[in-house]
Amino acid sequence: MYRTVEGIKDPVRMVFEVTEIRSKDGQLLWTPETIVFSAWTSLDAAEEEVLKAYRQRGTSEQYHAEFKTEMDMERLPSGKFAVNSAFLKMGMLIYNMFKVIDQDMVYAKALGLKKATRRRMKTIMRSIVYMCGKIIRHSRRLILQLACPRPWYEFFSGLLKRLQAA
């Protein structure tokens, strides 16, 4: 369906999807629940592709919000472009490192965490960064001693070995 919108030269297309839910948790509903997902767009792609792109946009915005709020990157530290650029690059590096840890945490099912496809930054920081440990220097070697349950220790030592090999 195309419509003309005031202030826009070309007509705008509305793509929508209607889902009717007749039962929840195995229980039939007295009146079906209707969910409508709509998008106003100028894209000429097929309806399925447009809906998929708009859903992916929502996921992208979740990642941006996570980067800004949970990593405390909302405000830039300086009025100088070079300082802010370095700040954002360091934040990006740390965020990507946490995402690698996130994927490892999802695949390591023995950690006692709920089943998920991805973890929030706060969960990763609480689980890994806040873990108690100390670095011991002995016989010209550095030893990392962790105070955590065995599954977490195995996960963390495996991650450390992988990083050392890279």
C-alpha atoms as a PDB file:
ATOM      1  CA  MET A   1       0.000   0.000   0.000  1.00  0.00           C
ATOM      2  CA  TYR A   2       1.419   3.404  -1.034  1.00  0.00           C
ATOM      3  CA  ARG A   3       0.470   6.776   0.426  1.00  0.00           C
ATOM      4  CA  THR A   4       1.555  10.334  -0.160  1.00  0.00           C
ATOM      5  CA  VAL A   5       2.977  12.052   2.881  1.00  0.00           C
ATOM      6  CA  GLU A   6       3.162  15.818   3.268  1.00  0.00           C
ATOM      7  CA  GLY A   7       6.723  17.077   2.808  1.00  0.00           C
ATOM      8  CA  ILE A   8       7.911  13.943   0.959  1.00  0.00           C
ATOM      9  CA  LYS A   9       8.072  14.000  -2.843  1.00  0.00           C
ATOM     10  CA  ASP A  10       7.629  10.275  -3.592  1.00  0.00           C
ATOM     11  CA  PRO A  11       4.817   8.117  -2.229  1.00  0.00           C
ATOM     12  CA  VAL A  12       5.716   6.065   0.845  1.00  0.00           C
ATOM     13  CA  ARG A  13       4.992   2.362   1.064  1.00  0.00           C
ATOM     14  CA  MET A  14       3.531   0.666   4.140  1.00  0.00           C
ATOM     15  CA  VAL A  15       4.561  -2.934   4.733  1.00  0.00           C
ATOM     16  CA  PHE A  16       2.907  -4.834   7.538  1.00  0.00           C
ATOM     17  CA  GLU A  17       2.546  -8.268   9.064  1.00  0.00           C
ATOM     18  CA  VAL A  18      -0.416  -9.389  11.153  1.00  0.00           C
ATOM     19  CA  THR A  19      -0.040 -12.310  13.563  1.00  0.00           C
ATOM     20  CA  GLU A  20      -2.975 -13.855  15.367  1.00  0.00           C
ATOM     21  CA  ILE A  21      -2.254 -15.814  18.526  1.00  0.00           C
ATOM     22  CA  ARG A  22      -5.002 -18.272  19.445  1.00  0.00           C
ATOM     23  CA  SER A  23      -3.293 -20.008  22.375  1.00  0.00           C
ATOM     24  CA  LYS A  24      -0.653 -19.250  24.992  1.00  0.00           C
ATOM     25  CA  ASP A  25       1.174 -21.915  26.971  1.00  0.00           C
ATOM     26  CA  GLY A  26      -1.126 -24.587  25.516  1.00  0.00           C
ATOM     27  CA  GLN A  27      -4.268 -22.794  26.732  1.00  0.00           C
ATOM     28  CA  LEU A  28      -6.779 -21.616  24.106  1.00  0.00           C
ATOM     29  CA  LEU A  29      -7.601 -17.904  24.345  1.00  0.00           C
ATOM     30  CA  TRP A  30     -11.243 -16.768  24.480  1.00  0.00           C
ATOM     31  CA  THR A  31     -10.491 -13.983  21.991  1.00  0.00           C
ATOM     32  CA  PRO A  32      -7.387 -14.238  19.796  1.00  0.00           C
ATOM     33  CA  GLU A  33      -4.540 -11.795  20.443  1.00  0.00           C
ATOM     34  CA  THR A  34      -3.535  -9.810  17.356  1.00  0.00           C
ATOM     35  CA  ILE A  35      -0.040  -8.393  16.845  1.00  0.00           C
ATOM     36  CA  VAL A  36       0.629  -5.950  13.990  1.00  0.00           C
ATOM     37  CA  PHE A  37       4.169  -5.080  12.901  1.00  0.00           C
ATOM     38  CA  SER A  38       4.302  -2.258  10.359  1.00  0.00           C
ATOM     39  CA  ALA A  39       6.983  -0.246   8.625  1.00  0.00           C
ATOM     40  CA  TRP A  40       6.739   2.877   6.440  1.00  0.00           C
ATOM     41  CA  THR A  41       9.504   2.662   3.873  1.00  0.00           C
ATOM     42  CA  SER A  42      10.783   3.822   0.518  1.00  0.00           C
ATOM     43  CA  LEU A  43      12.524   0.490  -0.174  1.00  0.00           C
ATOM     44  CA  ASP A  44      11.434  -1.377  -3.314  1.00  0.00           C
ATOM     45  CA  ALA A  45      12.357  -4.825  -1.954  1.00  0.00           C
ATOM     46  CA  ALA A  46       9.968  -7.705  -1.299  1.00  0.00           C
ATOM     47  CA  GLU A  47       7.791  -7.429   1.807  1.00  0.00           C
ATOM     48  CA  GLU A  48       9.629 -10.236   3.643  1.00  0.00           C
ATOM     49  CA  GLU A  49      12.994  -8.539   3.035  1.00  0.00           C
ATOM     50  CA  VAL A  50      11.717  -5.152   4.259  1.00  0.00           C
ATOM     51  CA  LEU A  51      10.292  -6.660   7.461  1.00  0.00           C
ATOM     52  CA  LYS A  52      13.526  -8.571   8.068  1.00  0.00           C
ATOM     53  CA  ALA A  53      15.619  -5.408   7.569  1.00  0.00           C
ATOM     54  CA  TYR A  54      13.497  -3.401  10.020  1.00  0.00           C
ATOM     55  CA  ARG A  55      13.693  -6.150  12.644  1.00  0.00           C
ATOM     56  CA  GLN A  56      17.483  -6.241  12.251  1.00  0.00           C
ATOM     57  CA  ARG A  57      17.524  -2.468  12.741  1.00  0.00           C
ATOM     58  CA  GLY A  58      15.918  -2.964  16.146  1.00  0.00           C
ATOM     59  CA  THR A  59      18.636  -5.449  17.089  1.00  0.00           C
ATOM     60  CA  SER A  60      21.285  -2.978  15.948  1.00  0.00           C
ATOM     61  CA  GLU A  61      19.769  -0.292  18.159  1.00  0.00           C
ATOM     62  CA  GLN A  62      19.910  -2.700  21.120  1.00  0.00           C
ATOM     63  CA  TYR A  63      23.661  -3.058  20.562  1.00  0.00           C
ATOM     64  CA  HIS A  64      24.083   0.734  20.401  1.00  0.00           C
ATOM     65  CA  ALA A  65      22.132   1.202  23.628  1.00  0.00           C
ATOM     66  CA  GLU A  66      24.211  -1.503  25.295  1.00  0.00           C
ATOM     67  CA  PHE A  67      27.439   0.172  24.162  1.00  0.00           C
ATOM     68  CA  LYS A  68      26.339   3.581  25.423  1.00  0.00           C
ATOM     69  CA  THR A  69      24.701   2.791  28.742  1.00  0.00           C
ATOM     70  CA  GLU A  70      26.212  -0.421  30.067  1.00  0.00           C
ATOM     71  CA  MET A  71      29.766   0.521  29.136  1.00  0.00           C
ATOM     72  CA  ASP A  72      29.232   4.141  30.238  1.00  0.00           C
ATOM     73  CA  MET A  73      30.162   5.592  26.837  1.00  0.00           C
ATOM     74  CA  GLU A  74      27.308   8.117  26.735  1.00  0.00           C
ATOM     75  CA  ARG A  75      29.395  11.267  27.061  1.00  0.00           C
ATOM     76  CA  LEU A  76      32.626  12.032  25.312  1.00  0.00           C
ATOM     77  CA  PRO A  77      35.444  13.025  27.684  1.00  0.00           C
ATOM     78  CA  SER A  78      36.843  16.003  25.806  1.00  0.00           C
ATOM     79  CA  GLY A  79      36.158  18.790  23.369  1.00  0.00           C
ATOM     80  CA  LYS A  80      39.075  17.655  21.221  1.00  0.00           C
ATOM     81  CA  PHE A  81      38.367  15.357  18.297  1.00  0.00           C
ATOM     82  CA  ALA A  82      41.562  13.263  18.660  1.00  0.00           C
ATOM     83  CA  VAL A  83      40.870  12.479  22.339  1.00  0.00           C
ATOM     84  CA  ASN A  84      37.253  11.506  21.627  1.00  0.00           C
ATOM     85  CA  SER A  85      38.369   9.367  18.686  1.00  0.00           C
ATOM     86  CA  ALA A  86      40.839   7.465  20.886  1.00  0.00           C
ATOM     87  CA  PHE A  87      38.152   7.088  23.580  1.00  0.00           C
ATOM     88  CA  LEU A  88      35.657   5.578  21.120  1.00  0.00           C
ATOM     89  CA  LYS A  89      38.274   3.283  19.579  1.00  0.00           C
ATOM     90  CA  MET A  90      39.219   1.942  23.018  1.00  0.00           C
ATOM     91  CA  GLY A  91      35.529   1.448  23.813  1.00  0.00           C
ATOM     92  CA  MET A  92      35.031  -0.387  20.520  1.00  0.00           C
ATOM     93  CA  LEU A  93      38.005  -2.666  21.230  1.00  0.00           C
ATOM     94  CA  ILE A  94      36.721  -3.499  24.722  1.00  0.00           C
ATOM     95  CA  TYR A  95      33.175  -4.036  23.433  1.00  0.00           C
ATOM     96  CA  ASN A  96      34.403  -6.459  20.768  1.00  0.00           C
ATOM     97  CA  MET A  97      36.499  -8.324  23.330  1.00  0.00           C
ATOM     98  CA  PHE A  98      33.424  -8.672  25.540  1.00  0.00           C
ATOM     99  CA  LYS A  99      31.432  -9.953  22.553  1.00  0.00           C
ATOM    100  CA  VAL A 100      34.036 -12.712  22.006  1.00  0.00           C
ATOM    101  CA  ILE A 101      33.719 -13.632  25.685  1.00  0.00           C
ATOM    102  CA  ASP A 102      29.928 -13.483  25.286  1.00  0.00           C
ATOM    103  CA  GLN A 103      29.981 -16.058  22.482  1.00  0.00           C
ATOM    104  CA  ASP A 104      32.256 -18.312  24.526  1.00  0.00           C
ATOM    105  CA  MET A 105      29.879 -18.022  27.492  1.00  0.00           C
ATOM    106  CA  VAL A 106      26.905 -18.994  25.339  1.00  0.00           C
ATOM    107  CA  TYR A 107      28.743 -22.061  23.990  1.00  0.00           C
ATOM    108  CA  ALA A 108      30.047 -23.119  27.441  1.00  0.00           C
ATOM    109  CA  LYS A 109      26.766 -24.502  28.742  1.00  0.00           C
ATOM    110  CA  ALA A 110      28.245 -25.871  31.986  1.00  0.00           C
ATOM    111  CA  LEU A 111      28.450 -22.444  33.639  1.00  0.00           C
ATOM    112  CA  GLY A 112      25.031 -22.649  35.257  1.00  0.00           C
ATOM    113  CA  LEU A 113      23.605 -19.682  33.317  1.00  0.00           C
ATOM    114  CA  LYS A 114      20.161 -19.636  31.740  1.00  0.00           C
ATOM    115  CA  LYS A 115      19.946 -20.764  28.121  1.00  0.00           C
ATOM    116  CA  ALA A 116      20.404 -17.754  25.812  1.00  0.00           C
ATOM    117  CA  THR A 117      21.651 -16.808  22.362  1.00  0.00           C
ATOM    118  CA  ARG A 118      23.571 -13.807  23.679  1.00  0.00           C
ATOM    119  CA  ARG A 119      24.442 -12.141  26.972  1.00  0.00           C
ATOM    120  CA  ARG A 120      24.146  -8.498  28.001  1.00  0.00           C
ATOM    121  CA  MET A 121      27.309  -6.536  28.813  1.00  0.00           C
ATOM    122  CA  LYS A 122      26.355  -6.279  32.493  1.00  0.00           C
ATOM    123  CA  THR A 123      26.164 -10.085  32.747  1.00  0.00           C
ATOM    124  CA  ILE A 124      29.598 -10.473  31.180  1.00  0.00           C
ATOM    125  CA  MET A 125      31.141  -7.785  33.369  1.00  0.00           C
ATOM    126  CA  ARG A 126      29.600  -9.246  36.506  1.00  0.00           C
ATOM    127  CA  SER A 127      30.665 -12.788  35.616  1.00  0.00           C
ATOM    128  CA  ILE A 128      34.177 -12.214  34.291  1.00  0.00           C
ATOM    129  CA  VAL A 129      35.493  -8.774  35.172  1.00  0.00           C
ATOM    130  CA  TYR A 130      34.325  -8.834  38.793  1.00  0.00           C
ATOM    131  CA  MET A 131      35.794 -12.315  39.375  1.00  0.00           C
ATOM    132  CA  CYS A 132      38.200 -12.462  42.308  1.00  0.00           C
ATOM    133  CA  GLY A 133      41.759 -13.342  41.527  1.00  0.00           C
ATOM    134  CA  LYS A 134      45.344 -12.362  41.976  1.00  0.00           C
ATOM    135  CA  ILE A 135      48.494 -12.369  39.891  1.00  0.00           C
ATOM    136  CA  ILE A 136      51.435 -14.157  41.481  1.00  0.00           C
ATOM    137  CA  ARG A 137      54.996 -13.588  40.322  1.00  0.00           C
ATOM    138  CA  HIS A 138      57.105 -16.672  41.100  1.00  0.00           C
ATOM    139  CA  SER A 139      60.219 -18.136  39.463  1.00  0.00           C
ATOM    140  CA  ARG A 140      60.135 -15.600  36.592  1.00  0.00           C
ATOM    141  CA  ARG A 141      56.568 -16.649  35.774  1.00  0.00           C
ATOM    142  CA  LEU A 142      53.216 -14.959  36.108  1.00  0.00           C
ATOM    143  CA  ILE A 143      50.472 -17.114  37.569  1.00  0.00           C
ATOM    144  CA  LEU A 144      46.817 -16.078  37.605  1.00  0.00           C
ATOM    145  CA  GLN A 145      45.022 -17.541  40.602  1.00  0.00           C
ATOM    146  CA  LEU A 146      41.213 -17.341  40.484  1.00  0.00           C
ATOM    147  CA  ALA A 147      38.691 -17.769  43.267  1.00  0.00           C
ATOM    148  CA  CYS A 148      35.679 -19.188  41.441  1.00  0.00           C
ATOM    149  CA  PRO A 149      33.728 -22.447  40.932  1.00  0.00           C
ATOM    150  CA  ARG A 150      35.349 -25.132  38.767  1.00  0.00           C
ATOM    151  CA  PRO A 151      33.225 -24.626  35.577  1.00  0.00           C
ATOM    152  CA  TRP A 152      34.082 -20.908  35.597  1.00  0.00           C
ATOM    153  CA  TYR A 153      37.755 -21.666  36.172  1.00  0.00           C
ATOM    154  CA  GLU A 154      37.817 -24.097  33.225  1.00  0.00           C
ATOM    155  CA  PHE A 155      36.044 -21.567  31.022  1.00  0.00           C
ATOM    156  CA  PHE A 156      38.359 -18.720  31.981  1.00  0.00           C
ATOM    157  CA  SER A 157      41.585 -20.753  31.709  1.00  0.00           C
ATOM    158  CA  GLY A 158      40.482 -22.046  28.278  1.00  0.00           C
ATOM    159  CA  LEU A 159      39.838 -18.473  27.169  1.00  0.00           C
ATOM    160  CA  LEU A 160      43.235 -17.370  28.482  1.00  0.00           C
ATOM    161  CA  LYS A 161      45.025 -20.224  26.638  1.00  0.00           C
ATOM    162  CA  ARG A 162      43.198 -19.299  23.413  1.00  0.00           C
ATOM    163  CA  LEU A 163      44.253 -15.663  23.757  1.00  0.00           C
ATOM    164  CA  GLN A 164      47.866 -16.613  24.487  1.00  0.00           C
ATOM    165  CA  ALA A 165      47.986 -18.805  21.374  1.00  0.00           C
ATOM    166  CA  ALA A 166      46.721 -15.986  19.139  1.00  0.00           C
END
